[in-house]
């Protein structure tokens, strides 16, 4: 039983809840700018993944709209 709780704690500690308003920008593989988008909370992942699907090799930058600081845990992201 103790192992179950430890495994559950480890799994939950990896989950991050993202809240706030973010600006998602970046550059295509050729260096030209990506279309910019606004995202709320965890929708940054949907926007980022959509940009990566449309522009393989792009670099996506996610910035907190309130502070202007880059979201260090998710940005910059190199699309595959």
N, C-alpha and C. Protein backbone atom coordinates (compact mmCIF):
# COMPACT_ATOMS: atom_id res chain seq x y z
N UNK A 1 0.82 -1.19 0.00
CA UNK A 1 0.00 0.00 0.00
C UNK A 1 0.86 1.26 0.00
N UNK A 2 1.96 1.26 0.74
CA UNK A 2 2.83 2.42 0.77
C UNK A 2 3.40 2.74 -0.60
N UNK A 3 3.70 1.72 -1.38
CA UNK A 3 4.23 1.93 -2.72
C UNK A 3 3.21 2.60 -3.62
N UNK A 4 1.95 2.24 -3.45
CA UNK A 4 0.88 2.85 -4.26
C UNK A 4 0.84 4.35 -4.03
N UNK A 5 0.94 4.77 -2.79
CA UNK A 5 0.90 6.20 -2.49
C UNK A 5 2.13 6.91 -3.04
N UNK A 6 3.27 6.26 -2.97
CA UNK A 6 4.49 6.87 -3.50
C UNK A 6 4.40 7.03 -5.01
N UNK A 7 3.91 6.02 -5.69
CA UNK A 7 3.76 6.09 -7.14
C UNK A 7 2.77 7.18 -7.51
N UNK A 8 1.65 7.25 -6.80
CA UNK A 8 0.64 8.29 -7.05
C UNK A 8 1.23 9.67 -6.83
N UNK A 9 1.99 9.85 -5.77
CA UNK A 9 2.61 11.15 -5.49
C UNK A 9 3.59 11.54 -6.59
N UNK A 10 4.36 10.58 -7.08
CA UNK A 10 5.30 10.88 -8.16
C UNK A 10 4.58 11.27 -9.45
N UNK A 11 3.51 10.56 -9.75
CA UNK A 11 2.76 10.87 -10.96
C UNK A 11 2.11 12.24 -10.89
N UNK A 12 1.53 12.56 -9.75
CA UNK A 12 0.86 13.85 -9.61
C UNK A 12 1.84 15.01 -9.55
N UNK A 13 3.02 14.79 -9.06
CA UNK A 13 4.00 15.87 -8.98
C UNK A 13 4.47 16.32 -10.36
N UNK A 14 4.30 15.47 -11.36
CA UNK A 14 4.69 15.82 -12.72
C UNK A 14 3.64 16.64 -13.45
N UNK A 15 2.45 16.74 -12.89
CA UNK A 15 1.36 17.48 -13.52
C UNK A 15 1.48 18.96 -13.19
N UNK A 16 1.38 19.80 -14.18
CA UNK A 16 1.46 21.24 -13.98
C UNK A 16 0.16 21.85 -14.47
N UNK A 17 -0.44 22.67 -13.63
CA UNK A 17 -1.63 23.39 -14.04
C UNK A 17 -1.19 24.78 -14.45
N UNK A 18 -1.42 25.13 -15.70
CA UNK A 18 -1.02 26.42 -16.22
C UNK A 18 -2.24 27.33 -16.24
N UNK A 19 -2.09 28.51 -15.65
CA UNK A 19 -3.20 29.47 -15.67
C UNK A 19 -2.68 30.83 -16.09
N UNK A 20 -3.56 31.65 -16.59
CA UNK A 20 -3.19 32.98 -17.04
C UNK A 20 -3.34 33.12 -18.54
N UNK A 21 -2.92 34.26 -19.03
CA UNK A 21 -3.01 34.58 -20.45
C UNK A 21 -1.59 34.61 -21.03
N UNK A 22 -1.43 33.98 -22.18
CA UNK A 22 -0.11 33.85 -22.77
C UNK A 22 -0.10 34.25 -24.24
N UNK A 23 1.01 34.79 -24.69
CA UNK A 23 1.24 35.10 -26.08
C UNK A 23 2.15 34.01 -26.64
N UNK A 24 1.72 33.38 -27.73
CA UNK A 24 2.50 32.31 -28.33
C UNK A 24 3.04 32.84 -29.67
N UNK A 25 4.35 32.93 -29.77
CA UNK A 25 5.01 33.44 -30.97
C UNK A 25 6.13 32.49 -31.34
N UNK A 26 6.87 32.80 -32.37
CA UNK A 26 8.02 31.99 -32.73
C UNK A 26 8.52 32.26 -34.12
N UNK A 27 9.42 31.39 -34.54
CA UNK A 27 10.00 31.51 -35.87
C UNK A 27 9.94 30.16 -36.58
N UNK A 28 9.72 30.23 -37.89
CA UNK A 28 9.73 29.03 -38.72
C UNK A 28 11.16 28.55 -38.87
N UNK A 29 11.33 27.36 -39.40
CA UNK A 29 12.66 26.79 -39.59
C UNK A 29 13.54 27.69 -40.47
N UNK A 30 12.91 28.44 -41.41
CA UNK A 30 13.67 29.32 -42.29
C UNK A 30 13.96 30.69 -41.67
N UNK A 31 13.51 30.90 -40.42
CA UNK A 31 13.77 32.16 -39.72
C UNK A 31 12.67 33.19 -39.83
N UNK A 32 11.66 32.96 -40.65
CA UNK A 32 10.55 33.92 -40.75
C UNK A 32 9.61 33.73 -39.57
N UNK A 33 8.90 34.81 -39.18
CA UNK A 33 8.05 34.73 -37.99
C UNK A 33 6.81 33.86 -38.19
N UNK A 34 6.41 33.20 -37.11
CA UNK A 34 5.16 32.44 -37.08
C UNK A 34 4.01 33.42 -36.81
N UNK A 35 2.79 33.03 -37.19
CA UNK A 35 1.65 33.85 -36.78
C UNK A 35 1.54 33.82 -35.25
N UNK A 36 1.29 34.97 -34.64
CA UNK A 36 1.16 35.05 -33.19
C UNK A 36 -0.25 34.65 -32.77
N UNK A 37 -0.37 34.11 -31.56
CA UNK A 37 -1.68 33.70 -31.04
C UNK A 37 -1.72 33.95 -29.54
N UNK A 38 -2.92 34.24 -29.04
CA UNK A 38 -3.14 34.34 -27.60
C UNK A 38 -3.70 33.01 -27.12
N UNK A 39 -3.35 32.62 -25.90
CA UNK A 39 -3.84 31.37 -25.33
C UNK A 39 -4.12 31.59 -23.85
N UNK A 40 -5.16 30.93 -23.37
CA UNK A 40 -5.53 30.98 -21.95
C UNK A 40 -5.19 29.66 -21.29
N UNK A 41 -4.46 29.71 -20.19
CA UNK A 41 -4.18 28.53 -19.40
C UNK A 41 -3.55 27.41 -20.19
N UNK A 42 -4.07 26.21 -19.99
CA UNK A 42 -3.46 25.03 -20.60
C UNK A 42 -3.70 24.93 -22.11
N UNK A 43 -4.47 25.87 -22.68
CA UNK A 43 -4.63 25.86 -24.14
C UNK A 43 -3.33 26.23 -24.85
N UNK A 44 -2.31 26.64 -24.10
CA UNK A 44 -1.00 26.90 -24.73
C UNK A 44 -0.49 25.66 -25.42
N UNK A 45 -0.82 24.48 -24.87
CA UNK A 45 -0.35 23.23 -25.46
C UNK A 45 -1.04 22.96 -26.79
N UNK A 46 -2.31 23.28 -26.88
CA UNK A 46 -3.05 23.11 -28.13
C UNK A 46 -2.49 24.04 -29.20
N UNK A 47 -2.27 25.29 -28.83
CA UNK A 47 -1.73 26.27 -29.78
C UNK A 47 -0.32 25.87 -30.21
N UNK A 48 0.51 25.54 -29.24
CA UNK A 48 1.89 25.13 -29.55
C UNK A 48 1.92 23.91 -30.47
N UNK A 49 1.12 22.91 -30.13
CA UNK A 49 1.11 21.69 -30.94
C UNK A 49 0.56 21.95 -32.34
N UNK A 50 -0.42 22.84 -32.45
CA UNK A 50 -0.95 23.20 -33.76
C UNK A 50 0.09 23.90 -34.62
N UNK A 51 0.83 24.82 -34.00
CA UNK A 51 1.90 25.51 -34.74
C UNK A 51 2.98 24.52 -35.17
N UNK A 52 3.33 23.59 -34.28
CA UNK A 52 4.35 22.60 -34.62
C UNK A 52 3.89 21.68 -35.74
N UNK A 53 2.60 21.35 -35.74
CA UNK A 53 2.06 20.50 -36.81
C UNK A 53 2.12 21.23 -38.15
N UNK A 54 1.80 22.52 -38.13
CA UNK A 54 1.77 23.31 -39.36
C UNK A 54 3.18 23.73 -39.82
N UNK A 55 4.09 23.90 -38.87
CA UNK A 55 5.43 24.40 -39.19
C UNK A 55 6.51 23.53 -38.53
N UNK A 56 6.74 22.33 -39.05
CA UNK A 56 7.79 21.47 -38.48
C UNK A 56 9.14 22.20 -38.48
N UNK A 57 9.89 22.01 -37.41
CA UNK A 57 11.20 22.64 -37.30
C UNK A 57 11.16 24.04 -36.73
N UNK A 58 9.96 24.56 -36.46
CA UNK A 58 9.84 25.91 -35.91
C UNK A 58 10.26 25.94 -34.44
N UNK A 59 10.54 27.14 -33.95
CA UNK A 59 10.81 27.36 -32.54
C UNK A 59 9.66 28.21 -32.00
N UNK A 60 8.97 27.70 -30.98
CA UNK A 60 7.81 28.38 -30.41
C UNK A 60 8.18 28.98 -29.06
N UNK A 61 7.78 30.23 -28.86
CA UNK A 61 8.06 30.95 -27.62
C UNK A 61 6.72 31.27 -26.94
N UNK A 62 6.60 30.97 -25.65
CA UNK A 62 5.38 31.23 -24.89
C UNK A 62 5.71 32.26 -23.81
N UNK A 63 5.02 33.39 -23.85
CA UNK A 63 5.29 34.50 -22.95
C UNK A 63 4.04 34.83 -22.13
N UNK A 64 4.21 35.03 -20.84
CA UNK A 64 3.11 35.43 -19.96
C UNK A 64 2.71 36.86 -20.33
N UNK A 65 1.44 37.06 -20.68
CA UNK A 65 0.98 38.38 -21.11
C UNK A 65 1.03 39.41 -19.98
N UNK A 66 0.85 38.98 -18.75
CA UNK A 66 0.83 39.90 -17.62
C UNK A 66 2.23 40.38 -17.24
N UNK A 67 3.20 39.49 -17.28
CA UNK A 67 4.56 39.84 -16.82
C UNK A 67 5.54 40.09 -17.96
N UNK A 68 5.23 39.55 -19.14
CA UNK A 68 6.16 39.66 -20.26
C UNK A 68 7.30 38.66 -20.18
N UNK A 69 7.26 37.78 -19.17
CA UNK A 69 8.33 36.80 -19.00
C UNK A 69 7.99 35.51 -19.73
N UNK A 70 9.03 34.91 -20.28
CA UNK A 70 8.87 33.64 -20.98
C UNK A 70 8.53 32.54 -19.97
N UNK A 71 7.64 31.63 -20.34
CA UNK A 71 7.25 30.51 -19.49
C UNK A 71 8.39 29.49 -19.54
N UNK A 72 9.26 29.55 -18.55
CA UNK A 72 10.52 28.78 -18.56
C UNK A 72 10.31 27.28 -18.70
N UNK A 73 9.25 26.74 -18.13
CA UNK A 73 9.05 25.29 -18.18
C UNK A 73 8.62 24.79 -19.55
N UNK A 74 8.14 25.68 -20.41
CA UNK A 74 7.61 25.27 -21.72
C UNK A 74 8.23 26.00 -22.91
N UNK A 75 9.08 26.95 -22.65
CA UNK A 75 9.54 27.81 -23.73
C UNK A 75 11.04 28.07 -23.60
N UNK A 76 11.77 28.14 -24.68
CA UNK A 76 11.32 27.92 -26.04
C UNK A 76 11.14 26.42 -26.33
N UNK A 77 10.28 26.12 -27.27
CA UNK A 77 10.01 24.74 -27.66
C UNK A 77 10.42 24.55 -29.12
N UNK A 78 11.25 23.55 -29.36
CA UNK A 78 11.69 23.24 -30.72
C UNK A 78 10.76 22.18 -31.31
N UNK A 79 10.02 22.52 -32.35
CA UNK A 79 9.11 21.57 -32.99
C UNK A 79 9.92 20.52 -33.75
N UNK A 80 9.38 19.31 -33.76
CA UNK A 80 10.05 18.22 -34.49
C UNK A 80 9.51 18.10 -35.87
